[in-house]
Amino acid sequence: MHFPDLFLPGFLDVMVLSCILAFFLNYSIFLNTTLNSALTQTICGNLKDLFTIGIGWAVFGGLPFDIFNVLGQFLRFFGSGLYAYFKLKGR
């Protein structure tokens, strides 16, 4: 409540639009999980993360290109894929 721009119209517009986008994102995830399997949701999530990171690096620059950044992202995708594989196999 101590944020000085809390009641400015621009801030309120962005906040409301952000809430609307969050609602539709959660609804689309719920709908995707309901209509598809959990494995499909996992693969779609990994692909979304891959494209988000790639587009973020290409468009916004983001983190500097460093071997540790690339290895960290590769390890994250490898771990997600390994988790999905073992989840599919039932271990």
PDB file of N, CA and C in Angstrom:
ATOM      1  N   MET A   1       0.816  -1.206   0.000  1.00  0.00           N
ATOM      2  CA  MET A   1       0.000   0.000   0.000  1.00  0.00           C
ATOM      3  C   MET A   1       0.852   1.260   0.000  1.00  0.00           C
ATOM      4  N   HIS A   2       2.155   1.137   0.195  1.00  0.00           N
ATOM      5  CA  HIS A   2       3.019   2.310   0.236  1.00  0.00           C
ATOM      6  C   HIS A   2       3.668   2.603  -1.116  1.00  0.00           C
ATOM      7  N   PHE A   3       3.302   1.844  -2.154  1.00  0.00           N
ATOM      8  CA  PHE A   3       3.837   2.085  -3.490  1.00  0.00           C
ATOM      9  C   PHE A   3       3.277   3.402  -4.004  1.00  0.00           C
ATOM     10  N   PRO A   4       4.133   4.352  -4.377  1.00  0.00           N
ATOM     11  CA  PRO A   4       3.618   5.702  -4.717  1.00  0.00           C
ATOM     12  C   PRO A   4       2.768   5.746  -5.986  1.00  0.00           C
ATOM     13  N   ASP A   5       2.974   4.829  -6.922  1.00  0.00           N
ATOM     14  CA  ASP A   5       2.228   4.867  -8.185  1.00  0.00           C
ATOM     15  C   ASP A   5       1.071   3.867  -8.208  1.00  0.00           C
ATOM     16  N   LEU A   6       0.631   3.445  -7.051  1.00  0.00           N
ATOM     17  CA  LEU A   6      -0.369   2.378  -6.962  1.00  0.00           C
ATOM     18  C   LEU A   6      -1.681   2.732  -7.656  1.00  0.00           C
ATOM     19  N   PHE A   7      -2.105   3.959  -7.587  1.00  0.00           N
ATOM     20  CA  PHE A   7      -3.406   4.331  -8.136  1.00  0.00           C
ATOM     21  C   PHE A   7      -3.318   5.125  -9.436  1.00  0.00           C
ATOM     22  N   LEU A   8      -2.155   5.117 -10.064  1.00  0.00           N
ATOM     23  CA  LEU A   8      -2.042   5.763 -11.376  1.00  0.00           C
ATOM     24  C   LEU A   8      -2.724   4.893 -12.426  1.00  0.00           C
ATOM     25  N   PRO A   9      -3.406   5.515 -13.386  1.00  0.00           N
ATOM     26  CA  PRO A   9      -4.143   4.732 -14.390  1.00  0.00           C
ATOM     27  C   PRO A   9      -3.244   3.791 -15.206  1.00  0.00           C
ATOM     28  N   GLY A  10      -2.048   4.224 -15.542  1.00  0.00           N
ATOM     29  CA  GLY A  10      -1.157   3.369 -16.320  1.00  0.00           C
ATOM     30  C   GLY A  10      -0.762   2.113 -15.563  1.00  0.00           C
ATOM     31  N   PHE A  11      -0.453   2.265 -14.280  1.00  0.00           N
ATOM     32  CA  PHE A  11      -0.099   1.114 -13.459  1.00  0.00           C
ATOM     33  C   PHE A  11      -1.279   0.168 -13.305  1.00  0.00           C
ATOM     34  N   LEU A  12      -2.455   0.727 -13.070  1.00  0.00           N
ATOM     35  CA  LEU A  12      -3.645  -0.110 -12.915  1.00  0.00           C
ATOM     36  C   LEU A  12      -3.983  -0.839 -14.214  1.00  0.00           C
ATOM     37  N   ASP A  13      -3.807  -0.175 -15.354  1.00  0.00           N
ATOM     38  CA  ASP A  13      -4.059  -0.836 -16.640  1.00  0.00           C
ATOM     39  C   ASP A  13      -3.135  -2.027 -16.839  1.00  0.00           C
ATOM     40  N   VAL A  14      -1.853  -1.816 -16.561  1.00  0.00           N
ATOM     41  CA  VAL A  14      -0.888  -2.899 -16.725  1.00  0.00           C
ATOM     42  C   VAL A  14      -1.184  -4.027 -15.741  1.00  0.00           C
ATOM     43  N   MET A  15      -1.571  -3.696 -14.539  1.00  0.00           N
ATOM     44  CA  MET A  15      -1.882  -4.721 -13.531  1.00  0.00           C
ATOM     45  C   MET A  15      -3.097  -5.543 -13.949  1.00  0.00           C
ATOM     46  N   VAL A  16      -4.130  -4.898 -14.430  1.00  0.00           N
ATOM     47  CA  VAL A  16      -5.334  -5.613 -14.863  1.00  0.00           C
ATOM     48  C   VAL A  16      -5.037  -6.485 -16.074  1.00  0.00           C
ATOM     49  N   LEU A  17      -4.292  -5.950 -17.051  1.00  0.00           N
ATOM     50  CA  LEU A  17      -3.932  -6.757 -18.220  1.00  0.00           C
ATOM     51  C   LEU A  17      -3.060  -7.950 -17.830  1.00  0.00           C
ATOM     52  N   SER A  18      -2.175  -7.741 -16.881  1.00  0.00           N
ATOM     53  CA  SER A  18      -1.336  -8.838 -16.398  1.00  0.00           C
ATOM     54  C   SER A  18      -2.182  -9.922 -15.742  1.00  0.00           C
ATOM     55  N   CYS A  19      -3.164  -9.528 -14.969  1.00  0.00           N
ATOM     56  CA  CYS A  19      -4.065 -10.510 -14.333  1.00  0.00           C
ATOM     57  C   CYS A  19      -4.881 -11.261 -15.378  1.00  0.00           C
ATOM     58  N   ILE A  20      -5.340 -10.571 -16.405  1.00  0.00           N
ATOM     59  CA  ILE A  20      -6.111 -11.223 -17.467  1.00  0.00           C
ATOM     60  C   ILE A  20      -5.239 -12.224 -18.212  1.00  0.00           C
ATOM     61  N   LEU A  21      -4.001 -11.836 -18.545  1.00  0.00           N
ATOM     62  CA  LEU A  21      -3.087 -12.757 -19.223  1.00  0.00           C
ATOM     63  C   LEU A  21      -2.765 -13.964 -18.347  1.00  0.00           C
ATOM     64  N   ALA A  22      -2.588 -13.755 -17.057  1.00  0.00           N
ATOM     65  CA  ALA A  22      -2.316 -14.870 -16.147  1.00  0.00           C
ATOM     66  C   ALA A  22      -3.504 -15.826 -16.087  1.00  0.00           C
ATOM     67  N   PHE A  23      -4.715 -15.279 -16.102  1.00  0.00           N
ATOM     68  CA  PHE A  23      -5.899 -16.132 -16.096  1.00  0.00           C
ATOM     69  C   PHE A  23      -5.936 -17.009 -17.343  1.00  0.00           C
ATOM     70  N   PHE A  24      -5.719 -16.393 -18.522  1.00  0.00           N
ATOM     71  CA  PHE A  24      -5.770 -17.173 -19.759  1.00  0.00           C
ATOM     72  C   PHE A  24      -4.614 -18.165 -19.861  1.00  0.00           C
ATOM     73  N   LEU A  25      -3.467 -17.828 -19.325  1.00  0.00           N
ATOM     74  CA  LEU A  25      -2.353 -18.773 -19.301  1.00  0.00           C
ATOM     75  C   LEU A  25      -2.694 -19.976 -18.437  1.00  0.00           C
ATOM     76  N   ASN A  26      -3.218 -19.733 -17.244  1.00  0.00           N
ATOM     77  CA  ASN A  26      -3.595 -20.845 -16.368  1.00  0.00           C
ATOM     78  C   ASN A  26      -4.722 -21.675 -16.965  1.00  0.00           C
ATOM     79  N   TYR A  27      -5.678 -21.025 -17.599  1.00  0.00           N
ATOM     80  CA  TYR A  27      -6.772 -21.762 -18.222  1.00  0.00           C
ATOM     81  C   TYR A  27      -6.267 -22.625 -19.375  1.00  0.00           C
ATOM     82  N   SER A  28      -5.357 -22.077 -20.196  1.00  0.00           N
ATOM     83  CA  SER A  28      -4.832 -22.865 -21.315  1.00  0.00           C
ATOM     84  C   SER A  28      -4.003 -24.047 -20.822  1.00  0.00           C
ATOM     85  N   ILE A  29      -3.255 -23.878 -19.748  1.00  0.00           N
ATOM     86  CA  ILE A  29      -2.511 -25.005 -19.169  1.00  0.00           C
ATOM     87  C   ILE A  29      -3.484 -26.048 -18.640  1.00  0.00           C
ATOM     88  N   PHE A  30      -4.538 -25.620 -17.953  1.00  0.00           N
ATOM     89  CA  PHE A  30      -5.546 -26.547 -17.449  1.00  0.00           C
ATOM     90  C   PHE A  30      -6.217 -27.294 -18.601  1.00  0.00           C
ATOM     91  N   LEU A  31      -6.583 -26.583 -19.657  1.00  0.00           N
ATOM     92  CA  LEU A  31      -7.238 -27.192 -20.802  1.00  0.00           C
ATOM     93  C   LEU A  31      -6.301 -28.170 -21.497  1.00  0.00           C
ATOM     94  N   ASN A  32      -5.042 -27.811 -21.662  1.00  0.00           N
ATOM     95  CA  ASN A  32      -4.068 -28.700 -22.288  1.00  0.00           C
ATOM     96  C   ASN A  32      -3.872 -29.965 -21.467  1.00  0.00           C
ATOM     97  N   THR A  33      -3.794 -29.826 -20.150  1.00  0.00           N
ATOM     98  CA  THR A  33      -3.618 -30.999 -19.292  1.00  0.00           C
ATOM     99  C   THR A  33      -4.864 -31.869 -19.292  1.00  0.00           C
ATOM    100  N   THR A  34      -6.040 -31.260 -19.375  1.00  0.00           N
ATOM    101  CA  THR A  34      -7.289 -32.026 -19.383  1.00  0.00           C
ATOM    102  C   THR A  34      -7.443 -32.817 -20.678  1.00  0.00           C
ATOM    103  N   LEU A  35      -7.106 -32.192 -21.803  1.00  0.00           N
ATOM    104  CA  LEU A  35      -7.311 -32.834 -23.095  1.00  0.00           C
ATOM    105  C   LEU A  35      -6.172 -33.773 -23.491  1.00  0.00           C
ATOM    106  N   ASN A  36      -4.982 -33.556 -22.955  1.00  0.00           N
ATOM    107  CA  ASN A  36      -3.820 -34.363 -23.315  1.00  0.00           C
ATOM    108  C   ASN A  36      -3.284 -35.078 -22.084  1.00  0.00           C
ATOM    109  N   SER A  37      -2.272 -35.874 -22.284  1.00  0.00           N
ATOM    110  CA  SER A  37      -1.665 -36.577 -21.158  1.00  0.00           C
ATOM    111  C   SER A  37      -0.687 -35.658 -20.435  1.00  0.00           C
ATOM    112  N   ALA A  38      -0.274 -36.098 -19.261  1.00  0.00           N
ATOM    113  CA  ALA A  38       0.705 -35.321 -18.503  1.00  0.00           C
ATOM    114  C   ALA A  38       2.047 -35.287 -19.226  1.00  0.00           C
ATOM    115  N   LEU A  39       2.370 -36.353 -19.952  1.00  0.00           N
ATOM    116  CA  LEU A  39       3.616 -36.378 -20.708  1.00  0.00           C
ATOM    117  C   LEU A  39       3.607 -35.319 -21.810  1.00  0.00           C
ATOM    118  N   THR A  40       2.470 -35.176 -22.492  1.00  0.00           N
ATOM    119  CA  THR A  40       2.353 -34.137 -23.515  1.00  0.00           C
ATOM    120  C   THR A  40       2.526 -32.761 -22.898  1.00  0.00           C
ATOM    121  N   GLN A  41       1.942 -32.555 -21.729  1.00  0.00           N
ATOM    122  CA  GLN A  41       2.096 -31.278 -21.034  1.00  0.00           C
ATOM    123  C   GLN A  41       3.554 -31.033 -20.679  1.00  0.00           C
ATOM    124  N   THR A  42       4.273 -32.064 -20.243  1.00  0.00           N
ATOM    125  CA  THR A  42       5.683 -31.916 -19.901  1.00  0.00           C
ATOM    126  C   THR A  42       6.506 -31.553 -21.125  1.00  0.00           C
ATOM    127  N   ILE A  43       6.255 -32.226 -22.242  1.00  0.00           N
ATOM    128  CA  ILE A  43       7.001 -31.940 -23.470  1.00  0.00           C
ATOM    129  C   ILE A  43       6.671 -30.536 -23.969  1.00  0.00           C
ATOM    130  N   CYS A  44       5.398 -30.165 -23.940  1.00  0.00           N
ATOM    131  CA  CYS A  44       5.016 -28.807 -24.366  1.00  0.00           C
ATOM    132  C   CYS A  44       5.662 -27.758 -23.464  1.00  0.00           C
ATOM    133  N   GLY A  45       5.734 -28.031 -22.181  1.00  0.00           N
ATOM    134  CA  GLY A  45       6.376 -27.101 -21.254  1.00  0.00           C
ATOM    135  C   GLY A  45       7.855 -26.946 -21.547  1.00  0.00           C
ATOM    136  N   ASN A  46       8.527 -28.065 -21.843  1.00  0.00           N
ATOM    137  CA  ASN A  46       9.949 -27.997 -22.167  1.00  0.00           C
ATOM    138  C   ASN A  46      10.187 -27.253 -23.472  1.00  0.00           C
ATOM    139  N   LEU A  47       9.350 -27.495 -24.470  1.00  0.00           N
ATOM    140  CA  LEU A  47       9.491 -26.766 -25.737  1.00  0.00           C
ATOM    141  C   LEU A  47       9.220 -25.280 -25.553  1.00  0.00           C
ATOM    142  N   LYS A  48       8.222 -24.954 -24.746  1.00  0.00           N
ATOM    143  CA  LYS A  48       7.929 -23.543 -24.455  1.00  0.00           C
ATOM    144  C   LYS A  48       9.129 -22.881 -23.792  1.00  0.00           C
ATOM    145  N   ASP A  49       9.726 -23.565 -22.813  1.00  0.00           N
ATOM    146  CA  ASP A  49      10.900 -23.009 -22.146  1.00  0.00           C
ATOM    147  C   ASP A  49      12.063 -22.829 -23.119  1.00  0.00           C
ATOM    148  N   LEU A  50      12.260 -23.804 -23.998  1.00  0.00           N
ATOM    149  CA  LEU A  50      13.338 -23.724 -24.978  1.00  0.00           C
ATOM    150  C   LEU A  50      13.145 -22.512 -25.895  1.00  0.00           C
ATOM    151  N   PHE A  51      11.931 -22.350 -26.417  1.00  0.00           N
ATOM    152  CA  PHE A  51      11.666 -21.215 -27.304  1.00  0.00           C
ATOM    153  C   PHE A  51      11.713 -19.889 -26.552  1.00  0.00           C
ATOM    154  N   THR A  52      11.234 -19.866 -25.324  1.00  0.00           N
ATOM    155  CA  THR A  52      11.266 -18.638 -24.537  1.00  0.00           C
ATOM    156  C   THR A  52      12.689 -18.191 -24.278  1.00  0.00           C
ATOM    157  N   ILE A  53      13.547 -19.131 -23.906  1.00  0.00           N
ATOM    158  CA  ILE A  53      14.945 -18.782 -23.644  1.00  0.00           C
ATOM    159  C   ILE A  53      15.639 -18.361 -24.933  1.00  0.00           C
ATOM    160  N   GLY A  54      15.404 -19.099 -26.015  1.00  0.00           N
ATOM    161  CA  GLY A  54      16.032 -18.762 -27.290  1.00  0.00           C
ATOM    162  C   GLY A  54      15.604 -17.410 -27.810  1.00  0.00           C
ATOM    163  N   ILE A  55      14.309 -17.135 -27.773  1.00  0.00           N
ATOM    164  CA  ILE A  55      13.814 -15.840 -28.241  1.00  0.00           C
ATOM    165  C   ILE A  55      14.281 -14.716 -27.312  1.00  0.00           C
ATOM    166  N   GLY A  56      14.311 -14.993 -26.015  1.00  0.00           N
ATOM    167  CA  GLY A  56      14.787 -13.990 -25.062  1.00  0.00           C
ATOM    168  C   GLY A  56      16.241 -13.631 -25.295  1.00  0.00           C
ATOM    169  N   TRP A  57      17.076 -14.628 -25.546  1.00  0.00           N
ATOM    170  CA  TRP A  57      18.483 -14.345 -25.834  1.00  0.00           C
ATOM    171  C   TRP A  57      18.629 -13.596 -27.151  1.00  0.00           C
ATOM    172  N   ALA A  58      17.844 -13.968 -28.157  1.00  0.00           N
ATOM    173  CA  ALA A  58      17.981 -13.343 -29.474  1.00  0.00           C
ATOM    174  C   ALA A  58      17.437 -11.911 -29.491  1.00  0.00           C
ATOM    175  N   VAL A  59      16.293 -11.683 -28.865  1.00  0.00           N
ATOM    176  CA  VAL A  59      15.638 -10.382 -28.956  1.00  0.00           C
ATOM    177  C   VAL A  59      16.146  -9.397 -27.897  1.00  0.00           C
ATOM    178  N   PHE A  60      16.241  -9.844 -26.656  1.00  0.00           N
ATOM    179  CA  PHE A  60      16.546  -8.937 -25.561  1.00  0.00           C
ATOM    180  C   PHE A  60      17.994  -8.969 -25.095  1.00  0.00           C
ATOM    181  N   GLY A  61      18.776  -9.880 -25.605  1.00  0.00           N
ATOM    182  CA  GLY A  61      20.168  -9.959 -25.163  1.00  0.00           C
ATOM    183  C   GLY A  61      20.307 -10.754 -23.886  1.00  0.00           C
ATOM    184  N   GLY A  62      19.614 -10.377 -22.853  1.00  0.00           N
ATOM    185  CA  GLY A  62      19.603 -11.129 -21.606  1.00  0.00           C
ATOM    186  C   GLY A  62      20.994 -11.347 -21.043  1.00  0.00           C
ATOM    187  N   LEU A  63      21.277 -12.573 -20.707  1.00  0.00           N
ATOM    188  CA  LEU A  63      22.569 -12.924 -20.150  1.00  0.00           C
ATOM    189  C   LEU A  63      23.636 -12.935 -21.241  1.00  0.00           C
ATOM    190  N   PRO A  64      24.846 -12.606 -20.897  1.00  0.00           N
ATOM    191  CA  PRO A  64      25.910 -12.705 -21.902  1.00  0.00           C
ATOM    192  C   PRO A  64      26.152 -14.169 -22.260  1.00  0.00           C
ATOM    193  N   PHE A  65      26.569 -14.394 -23.496  1.00  0.00           N
ATOM    194  CA  PHE A  65      26.848 -15.762 -23.933  1.00  0.00           C
ATOM    195  C   PHE A  65      28.058 -16.270 -23.165  1.00  0.00           C
ATOM    196  N   ASP A  66      27.820 -17.265 -22.333  1.00  0.00           N
ATOM    197  CA  ASP A  66      28.858 -17.843 -21.498  1.00  0.00           C
ATOM    198  C   ASP A  66      28.667 -19.348 -21.520  1.00  0.00           C
ATOM    199  N   ILE A  67      29.749 -20.095 -21.480  1.00  0.00           N
ATOM    200  CA  ILE A  67      29.655 -21.548 -21.537  1.00  0.00           C
ATOM    201  C   ILE A  67      28.876 -22.095 -20.337  1.00  0.00           C
ATOM    202  N   PHE A  68      28.987 -21.449 -19.177  1.00  0.00           N
ATOM    203  CA  PHE A  68      28.260 -21.915 -18.000  1.00  0.00           C
ATOM    204  C   PHE A  68      26.754 -21.690 -18.147  1.00  0.00           C
ATOM    205  N   ASN A  69      26.357 -20.590 -18.794  1.00  0.00           N
ATOM    206  CA  ASN A  69      24.932 -20.362 -19.060  1.00  0.00           C
ATOM    207  C   ASN A  69      24.376 -21.441 -19.984  1.00  0.00           C
ATOM    208  N   VAL A  70      25.126 -21.746 -21.042  1.00  0.00           N
ATOM    209  CA  VAL A  70      24.683 -22.758 -22.000  1.00  0.00           C
ATOM    210  C   VAL A  70      24.645 -24.129 -21.336  1.00  0.00           C
ATOM    211  N   LEU A  71      25.676 -24.466 -20.571  1.00  0.00           N
ATOM    212  CA  LEU A  71      25.696 -25.764 -19.872  1.00  0.00           C
ATOM    213  C   LEU A  71      24.561 -25.860 -18.848  1.00  0.00           C
ATOM    214  N   GLY A  72      24.279 -24.778 -18.167  1.00  0.00           N
ATOM    215  CA  GLY A  72      23.181 -24.775 -17.203  1.00  0.00           C
ATOM    216  C   GLY A  72      21.840 -25.016 -17.862  1.00  0.00           C
ATOM    217  N   GLN A  73      21.596 -24.364 -18.997  1.00  0.00           N
ATOM    218  CA  GLN A  73      20.339 -24.580 -19.717  1.00  0.00           C
ATOM    219  C   GLN A  73      20.261 -25.998 -20.279  1.00  0.00           C
ATOM    220  N   PHE A  74      21.391 -26.490 -20.799  1.00  0.00           N
ATOM    221  CA  PHE A  74      21.412 -27.861 -21.304  1.00  0.00           C
ATOM    222  C   PHE A  74      21.129 -28.844 -20.181  1.00  0.00           C
ATOM    223  N   LEU A  75      21.723 -28.637 -19.027  1.00  0.00           N
ATOM    224  CA  LEU A  75      21.490 -29.519 -17.881  1.00  0.00           C
ATOM    225  C   LEU A  75      20.029 -29.477 -17.455  1.00  0.00           C
ATOM    226  N   ARG A  76      19.429 -28.301 -17.499  1.00  0.00           N
ATOM    227  CA  ARG A  76      18.020 -28.162 -17.141  1.00  0.00           C
ATOM    228  C   ARG A  76      17.126 -28.929 -18.112  1.00  0.00           C
ATOM    229  N   PHE A  77      17.376 -28.796 -19.427  1.00  0.00           N
ATOM    230  CA  PHE A  77      16.566 -29.513 -20.410  1.00  0.00           C
ATOM    231  C   PHE A  77      16.817 -31.019 -20.348  1.00  0.00           C
ATOM    232  N   PHE A  78      18.049 -31.411 -20.132  1.00  0.00           N
ATOM    233  CA  PHE A  78      18.373 -32.826 -20.007  1.00  0.00           C
ATOM    234  C   PHE A  78      17.677 -33.434 -18.787  1.00  0.00           C
ATOM    235  N   GLY A  79      17.695 -32.727 -17.674  1.00  0.00           N
ATOM    236  CA  GLY A  79      17.017 -33.198 -16.466  1.00  0.00           C
ATOM    237  C   GLY A  79      15.516 -33.311 -16.661  1.00  0.00           C
ATOM    238  N   SER A  80      14.914 -32.353 -17.338  1.00  0.00           N
ATOM    239  CA  SER A  80      13.474 -32.407 -17.605  1.00  0.00           C
ATOM    240  C   SER A  80      13.132 -33.575 -18.517  1.00  0.00           C
ATOM    241  N   GLY A  81      13.953 -33.771 -19.546  1.00  0.00           N
ATOM    242  CA  GLY A  81      13.724 -34.906 -20.439  1.00  0.00           C
ATOM    243  C   GLY A  81      13.902 -36.229 -19.735  1.00  0.00           C
ATOM    244  N   LEU A  82      14.913 -36.324 -18.875  1.00  0.00           N
ATOM    245  CA  LEU A  82      15.144 -37.551 -18.111  1.00  0.00           C
ATOM    246  C   LEU A  82      13.983 -37.821 -17.156  1.00  0.00           C
ATOM    247  N   TYR A  83      13.483 -36.774 -16.521  1.00  0.00           N
ATOM    248  CA  TYR A  83      12.330 -36.920 -15.627  1.00  0.00           C
ATOM    249  C   TYR A  83      11.109 -37.421 -16.414  1.00  0.00           C
ATOM    250  N   ALA A  84      10.863 -36.835 -17.580  1.00  0.00           N
ATOM    251  CA  ALA A  84       9.722 -37.263 -18.394  1.00  0.00           C
ATOM    252  C   ALA A  84       9.889 -38.710 -18.843  1.00  0.00           C
ATOM    253  N   TYR A  85      11.102 -39.097 -19.199  1.00  0.00           N
ATOM    254  CA  TYR A  85      11.354 -40.476 -19.626  1.00  0.00           C
ATOM    255  C   TYR A  85      11.065 -41.460 -18.494  1.00  0.00           C
ATOM    256  N   PHE A  86      11.600 -41.202 -17.299  1.00  0.00           N
ATOM    257  CA  PHE A  86      11.377 -42.116 -16.192  1.00  0.00           C
ATOM    258  C   PHE A  86       9.933 -42.086 -15.710  1.00  0.00           C
ATOM    259  N   LYS A  87       9.284 -40.946 -15.853  1.00  0.00           N
ATOM    260  CA  LYS A  87       7.856 -40.862 -15.499  1.00  0.00           C
ATOM    261  C   LYS A  87       7.034 -41.713 -16.464  1.00  0.00           C
ATOM    262  N   LEU A  88       7.414 -41.702 -17.742  1.00  0.00           N
ATOM    263  CA  LEU A  88       6.721 -42.513 -18.737  1.00  0.00           C
ATOM    264  C   LEU A  88       6.940 -44.003 -18.485  1.00  0.00           C
ATOM    265  N   LYS A  89       8.151 -44.352 -18.099  1.00  0.00           N
ATOM    266  CA  LYS A  89       8.488 -45.764 -17.840  1.00  0.00           C
ATOM    267  C   LYS A  89       7.909 -46.248 -16.518  1.00  0.00           C
ATOM    268  N   GLY A  90       7.529 -45.335 -15.634  1.00  0.00           N
ATOM    269  CA  GLY A  90       6.895 -45.719 -14.377  1.00  0.00           C
ATOM    270  C   GLY A  90       7.858 -46.081 -13.286  1.00  0.00           C
ATOM    271  N   ARG A  91       9.030 -45.495 -13.269  1.00  0.00           N
ATOM    272  CA  ARG A  91      10.016 -45.792 -12.216  1.00  0.00           C
ATOM    273  C   ARG A  91       9.955 -44.775 -11.123  1.00  0.00           C
TER     274      ARG A  91
END
